[in-house]
């Protein structure tokens, strides 16, 4: 299993240069059956990462460009009368794909943003009184521009909490940027990517994640982190039970990616910032990273 994961990471690293940790976190989110939020300024490779990940996994892929005039039906789909059939025929929206890129999600109105909520949580959508299941696996990668930029709507906490992880790509280092400038177009390289994992392989990996063992001591450590987050000054609320369950899944996925069938505190610490930062921001941009550092420093691994 570790060799399969390493091959995927190696392939993606050839497309997204100098971002191995972010690539591994994105893959961890997929293996943990969660959803991923990427926050960064335009042009940093967010779309490239999502498309490349879908390609190497052999998954169907749809990109939705969120704008202020996008309607929920543009995301979910709609019914139209068909003369030949003599009845209404449902036309699936782009949400019916295994990997969905919700590009610049915070440029759409809150009403359209909320159209994703049931899909992300329930893996199904209710349209015109009928429940329609979404493909499996179903992985939403949403990109978000910094809220300081014009034309953005802040994502509500209820929607942020449905993203298992949030990562930032950041600027490439000088060596990686020079390689980008001298190298081939990334879109062309992405189009040439082959499938490294089948759907069955991915399903097995996701199933293996659930079988990774977590000792009682490890669960105690997770509980202490959750409890301490709820006592932090300046916060209205701490990490939710959903965040705790997501942290455990991501911890197990990271352990599996490291070739182990048991999780360690190091695995928690590796994924914790991406799990906790967007949940602890609460309207104060830039402060959550420091809060996460304080949490990890103040909570002992063993007690």
Protein backbone atom coordinates (compact mmCIF):
# COMPACT_ATOMS: atom_id res chain seq x y z
CA UNK A 1 0.00 0.00 0.00
CA UNK A 2 2.79 2.43 0.88
CA UNK A 3 4.41 1.91 -2.53
CA UNK A 4 1.14 2.77 -4.26
CA UNK A 5 0.81 5.98 -2.24
CA UNK A 6 4.46 6.93 -2.78
CA UNK A 7 4.06 6.47 -6.54
CA UNK A 8 1.05 8.80 -6.57
CA UNK A 9 2.90 11.43 -4.52
CA UNK A 10 5.96 11.21 -6.76
CA UNK A 11 3.84 11.66 -9.89
CA UNK A 12 1.99 14.64 -8.45
CA UNK A 13 5.23 16.23 -7.27
CA UNK A 14 6.39 16.40 -10.88
CA UNK A 15 3.39 18.59 -11.66
CA UNK A 16 3.20 20.70 -8.50
CA UNK A 17 6.84 21.47 -7.77
CA UNK A 18 8.13 21.99 -4.25
CA UNK A 19 4.81 21.21 -2.53
CA UNK A 20 5.23 17.64 -1.33
CA UNK A 21 3.66 18.24 2.08
CA UNK A 22 0.58 19.89 0.57
CA UNK A 23 0.28 17.06 -1.96
CA UNK A 24 0.45 14.47 0.80
CA UNK A 25 -2.17 16.31 2.85
CA UNK A 26 -4.50 16.48 -0.17
CA UNK A 27 -4.10 12.75 -0.73
CA UNK A 28 -4.62 12.14 3.00
CA UNK A 29 -7.94 13.99 2.81
CA UNK A 30 -9.09 11.78 -0.06
CA UNK A 31 -8.07 8.55 1.71
CA UNK A 32 -9.86 9.77 4.85
CA UNK A 33 -13.07 10.27 2.80
CA UNK A 34 -13.15 13.97 3.60
CA UNK A 35 -13.23 17.20 1.60
CA UNK A 36 -10.45 19.72 1.03
CA UNK A 37 -10.40 23.51 1.10
CA UNK A 38 -7.44 25.26 -0.53
CA UNK A 39 -7.08 28.93 0.36
CA UNK A 40 -4.66 31.04 -1.62
CA UNK A 41 -4.41 33.87 -4.10
CA UNK A 42 -5.14 33.07 -7.78
CA UNK A 43 -2.43 31.42 -9.87
CA UNK A 44 -0.80 29.26 -7.19
CA UNK A 45 -1.67 25.84 -8.69
CA UNK A 46 -4.92 25.01 -6.90
CA UNK A 47 -6.72 23.91 -10.07
CA UNK A 48 -3.65 22.03 -11.27
CA UNK A 49 -3.47 20.02 -8.05
CA UNK A 50 -7.14 19.00 -8.17
CA UNK A 51 -7.04 18.00 -11.85
CA UNK A 52 -3.79 16.06 -11.46
CA UNK A 53 -5.13 14.21 -8.41
CA UNK A 54 -8.23 13.12 -10.33
CA UNK A 55 -6.10 12.00 -13.30
CA UNK A 56 -3.72 9.76 -11.35
CA UNK A 57 -6.67 8.23 -9.48
CA UNK A 58 -8.64 7.62 -12.69
CA UNK A 59 -11.65 9.49 -11.29
CA UNK A 60 -14.25 11.55 -13.14
CA UNK A 61 -13.61 15.26 -12.73
CA UNK A 62 -15.72 18.40 -12.97
CA UNK A 63 -14.77 22.02 -12.38
CA UNK A 64 -17.40 24.54 -11.27
CA UNK A 65 -16.43 28.19 -11.54
CA UNK A 66 -18.25 29.93 -8.72
CA UNK A 67 -19.40 33.46 -9.54
CA UNK A 68 -21.85 35.86 -7.91
CA UNK A 69 -24.59 34.94 -10.40
CA UNK A 70 -24.20 31.16 -10.10
CA UNK A 71 -27.46 29.45 -9.10
CA UNK A 72 -27.93 26.21 -7.09
CA UNK A 73 -29.40 24.53 -10.21
CA UNK A 74 -26.13 25.29 -12.03
CA UNK A 75 -24.41 23.08 -9.46
CA UNK A 76 -26.97 20.37 -8.73
CA UNK A 77 -28.86 20.05 -12.02
CA UNK A 78 -32.38 20.71 -13.22
CA UNK A 79 -35.38 19.07 -14.90
CA UNK A 80 -36.54 20.04 -18.36
CA UNK A 81 -39.57 18.89 -20.30
CA UNK A 82 -38.66 16.44 -23.07
CA UNK A 83 -41.13 16.37 -25.96
CA UNK A 84 -40.10 12.90 -27.12
CA UNK A 85 -40.35 11.38 -23.66
CA UNK A 86 -43.45 13.38 -22.86
CA UNK A 87 -42.20 14.06 -19.34
CA UNK A 88 -39.66 15.97 -17.31
CA UNK A 89 -36.09 14.68 -17.72
CA UNK A 90 -33.46 15.40 -15.12
CA UNK A 91 -30.15 16.81 -16.35
CA UNK A 92 -27.33 16.18 -13.89
CA UNK A 93 -25.27 19.13 -12.74
CA UNK A 94 -21.48 19.06 -12.42
CA UNK A 95 -21.81 17.95 -8.80
CA UNK A 96 -22.32 14.40 -10.15
CA UNK A 97 -18.60 13.63 -10.49
CA UNK A 98 -16.13 11.79 -8.28
CA UNK A 99 -13.80 14.78 -7.91
CA UNK A 100 -15.48 18.19 -7.97
CA UNK A 101 -13.46 21.38 -8.02
CA UNK A 102 -15.53 24.23 -6.58
CA UNK A 103 -13.30 27.02 -7.86
CA UNK A 104 -13.36 30.31 -5.94
CA UNK A 105 -16.27 29.09 -3.83
CA UNK A 106 -16.44 32.28 -1.81
CA UNK A 107 -17.27 34.38 -4.86
CA UNK A 108 -20.75 32.82 -5.02
CA UNK A 109 -23.70 33.91 -2.93
CA UNK A 110 -24.39 32.13 0.38
CA UNK A 111 -27.46 30.50 -1.21
CA UNK A 112 -25.34 28.80 -3.86
CA UNK A 113 -22.62 27.90 -1.36
CA UNK A 114 -25.24 26.13 0.74
CA UNK A 115 -26.18 23.95 -2.25
CA UNK A 116 -22.99 22.01 -1.53
CA UNK A 117 -23.79 21.29 2.11
CA UNK A 118 -26.00 18.22 1.76
CA UNK A 119 -23.82 16.87 -1.05
CA UNK A 120 -20.66 17.10 1.05
CA UNK A 121 -22.18 15.68 4.21
CA UNK A 122 -24.65 13.10 2.92
CA UNK A 123 -23.09 12.16 -0.44
CA UNK A 124 -26.48 12.78 -2.00
CA UNK A 125 -28.63 15.68 -3.18
CA UNK A 126 -32.37 16.29 -2.92
CA UNK A 127 -33.79 17.89 -6.04
CA UNK A 128 -37.50 18.43 -6.70
CA UNK A 129 -38.47 16.05 -3.93
CA UNK A 130 -36.22 13.21 -5.08
CA UNK A 131 -32.99 12.07 -3.44
CA UNK A 132 -30.21 11.29 -5.88
CA UNK A 133 -27.00 9.54 -4.75
CA UNK A 134 -23.66 10.94 -5.79
CA UNK A 135 -20.81 8.86 -7.24
CA UNK A 136 -18.39 6.98 -5.02
CA UNK A 137 -15.84 8.12 -4.10
CA UNK A 138 -17.01 11.73 -3.84
CA UNK A 139 -14.33 14.32 -3.10
CA UNK A 140 -14.91 18.08 -3.13
CA UNK A 141 -11.89 20.32 -3.51
CA UNK A 142 -12.92 23.92 -2.99
CA UNK A 143 -10.61 26.86 -3.61
CA UNK A 144 -11.06 30.08 -1.73
CA UNK A 145 -9.56 33.49 -2.32
CA UNK A 146 -8.42 35.45 0.74
CA UNK A 147 -11.39 37.35 2.18
CA UNK A 148 -9.40 40.59 1.85
CA UNK A 149 -9.89 40.39 -1.92
CA UNK A 150 -12.89 42.13 -3.45
CA UNK A 151 -16.05 40.30 -4.47
CA UNK A 152 -15.84 37.54 -1.87
CA UNK A 153 -18.42 36.24 0.61
CA UNK A 154 -17.04 34.69 3.80
CA UNK A 155 -17.84 30.99 4.16
CA UNK A 156 -20.12 30.35 7.16
CA UNK A 157 -18.76 28.22 9.98
CA UNK A 158 -21.30 25.47 9.19
CA UNK A 159 -19.76 25.05 5.75
CA UNK A 160 -16.16 25.41 6.89
CA UNK A 161 -16.73 22.58 9.37
CA UNK A 162 -17.67 20.26 6.49
CA UNK A 163 -14.19 20.53 5.04
CA UNK A 164 -11.97 17.96 6.67
CA UNK A 165 -8.83 19.95 5.84
CA UNK A 166 -7.69 23.36 4.71
CA UNK A 167 -4.29 23.86 3.16
CA UNK A 168 -2.40 26.76 1.60
CA UNK A 169 0.01 26.21 -1.29
CA UNK A 170 2.03 29.42 -1.01
CA UNK A 171 4.66 30.74 -3.36
CA UNK A 172 7.18 28.22 -4.75
CA UNK A 173 10.77 28.42 -3.59
CA UNK A 174 13.25 29.95 -6.07
CA UNK A 175 14.50 26.59 -7.33
CA UNK A 176 10.98 25.25 -7.99
CA UNK A 177 9.92 28.51 -9.61
CA UNK A 178 12.92 28.44 -11.97
CA UNK A 179 12.03 24.88 -12.93
CA UNK A 180 8.48 26.04 -13.64
CA UNK A 181 9.75 28.84 -15.86
CA UNK A 182 12.12 26.60 -17.80
CA UNK A 183 9.88 23.53 -17.94
CA UNK A 184 6.90 22.37 -19.92
CA UNK A 185 3.40 23.78 -19.51
CA UNK A 186 1.80 22.17 -16.43
CA UNK A 187 -1.58 21.77 -18.15
CA UNK A 188 0.02 19.76 -20.95
CA UNK A 189 1.86 17.61 -18.42
CA UNK A 190 -1.35 17.04 -16.45
CA UNK A 191 -3.20 15.92 -19.58
CA UNK A 192 -0.52 13.26 -20.13
CA UNK A 193 -0.77 11.80 -16.63
CA UNK A 194 -1.69 8.14 -16.50
CA UNK A 195 -3.88 6.33 -13.99
CA UNK A 196 -1.82 4.90 -11.15
CA UNK A 197 -4.68 3.66 -8.95
CA UNK A 198 -7.92 2.03 -9.98
CA UNK A 199 -11.22 2.76 -8.27
CA UNK A 200 -10.90 -0.61 -6.53
CA UNK A 201 -7.41 0.30 -5.29
CA UNK A 202 -8.70 3.57 -3.87
CA UNK A 203 -11.70 1.86 -2.26
CA UNK A 204 -9.33 -0.68 -0.63
CA UNK A 205 -7.10 2.11 0.66
CA UNK A 206 -10.08 3.95 2.14
CA UNK A 207 -11.24 0.72 3.75
CA UNK A 208 -7.74 0.08 5.12
CA UNK A 209 -7.81 3.51 6.76
CA UNK A 210 -10.74 2.40 8.91
CA UNK A 211 -8.73 -0.63 10.04
CA UNK A 212 -5.73 1.34 11.28
CA UNK A 213 -5.67 0.94 15.05
CA UNK A 214 -5.69 3.83 17.51
CA UNK A 215 -4.74 3.01 21.09
CA UNK A 216 -6.71 4.32 24.09
CA UNK A 217 -3.76 6.59 24.91
CA UNK A 218 -3.93 8.10 21.42
CA UNK A 219 -7.67 8.72 21.79
CA UNK A 220 -6.95 10.38 25.14
CA UNK A 221 -4.51 12.71 23.38
CA UNK A 222 -7.13 13.65 20.78
CA UNK A 223 -9.68 14.31 23.52
CA UNK A 224 -7.26 16.56 25.39
CA UNK A 225 -6.66 18.59 22.23
CA UNK A 226 -10.40 18.97 21.68
CA UNK A 227 -11.05 19.91 25.29
CA UNK A 228 -8.21 22.44 25.40
CA UNK A 229 -9.48 24.10 22.22
CA UNK A 230 -12.81 24.72 23.98
CA UNK A 231 -11.04 26.53 26.82
CA UNK A 232 -8.92 28.86 24.72
CA UNK A 233 -9.45 32.55 25.50
CA UNK A 234 -10.85 34.67 22.71
CA UNK A 235 -12.81 31.84 21.06
CA UNK A 236 -16.59 31.51 21.10
CA UNK A 237 -16.30 27.77 20.68
CA UNK A 238 -13.64 25.12 20.20
CA UNK A 239 -13.33 22.12 17.92
CA UNK A 240 -16.56 20.22 17.31
CA UNK A 241 -17.10 16.47 17.72
CA UNK A 242 -17.15 16.29 13.91
CA UNK A 243 -13.69 17.84 13.91
CA UNK A 244 -12.55 15.20 16.40
CA UNK A 245 -13.85 12.37 14.24
CA UNK A 246 -12.23 13.95 11.18
CA UNK A 247 -8.94 14.31 13.05
CA UNK A 248 -9.00 10.60 13.91
CA UNK A 249 -9.74 9.59 10.29
CA UNK A 250 -7.00 11.84 8.93
CA UNK A 251 -4.56 10.55 11.56
CA UNK A 252 -5.26 6.97 10.50
CA UNK A 253 -4.92 7.90 6.81
CA UNK A 254 -1.54 9.56 7.47
CA UNK A 255 -0.35 6.49 9.38
CA UNK A 256 -1.36 4.26 6.45
CA UNK A 257 0.49 6.55 4.05
CA UNK A 258 3.55 6.08 6.25
CA UNK A 259 3.20 2.32 5.91
CA UNK A 260 1.84 1.59 9.38
CA UNK A 261 -1.34 -0.12 10.57
CA UNK A 262 -1.30 1.75 13.88
CA UNK A 263 -1.49 5.49 14.48
CA UNK A 264 1.04 7.48 16.50
CA UNK A 265 0.99 10.95 18.12
CA UNK A 266 3.31 12.10 15.30
CA UNK A 267 0.49 11.37 12.85
CA UNK A 268 -1.89 13.59 14.84
CA UNK A 269 0.62 16.43 14.90
CA UNK A 270 1.24 16.09 11.14
CA UNK A 271 -2.40 16.61 10.19
CA UNK A 272 -3.70 18.70 13.11
CA UNK A 273 -2.96 22.18 11.69
CA UNK A 274 -4.84 21.46 8.46
CA UNK A 275 -7.78 20.06 10.47
CA UNK A 276 -7.98 22.79 13.10
CA UNK A 277 -6.91 26.14 11.63
CA UNK A 278 -10.02 26.90 9.57
CA UNK A 279 -12.23 25.88 12.48
CA UNK A 280 -10.45 28.15 14.97
CA UNK A 281 -10.21 31.27 12.81
CA UNK A 282 -13.67 32.60 13.72
CA UNK A 283 -13.43 35.88 11.86
CA UNK A 284 -9.87 36.73 12.88
CA UNK A 285 -7.78 35.97 9.82
CA UNK A 286 -4.18 34.98 10.51
CA UNK A 287 -4.61 34.15 14.20
CA UNK A 288 -5.60 30.50 13.86
CA UNK A 289 -2.10 29.25 13.01
CA UNK A 290 -0.77 30.68 16.26
CA UNK A 291 -3.70 29.20 18.18
CA UNK A 292 -2.92 25.77 16.74
CA UNK A 293 0.74 26.11 17.73
CA UNK A 294 -0.34 27.04 21.26
CA UNK A 295 -2.68 24.05 21.41
CA UNK A 296 -0.04 21.57 20.36
CA UNK A 297 2.49 23.10 22.76
CA UNK A 298 0.14 23.16 25.73
CA UNK A 299 -1.27 19.64 25.46
CA UNK A 300 1.04 16.81 26.46
CA UNK A 301 1.19 13.63 24.44
CA UNK A 302 1.11 11.49 27.56
CA UNK A 303 -0.61 12.24 30.83
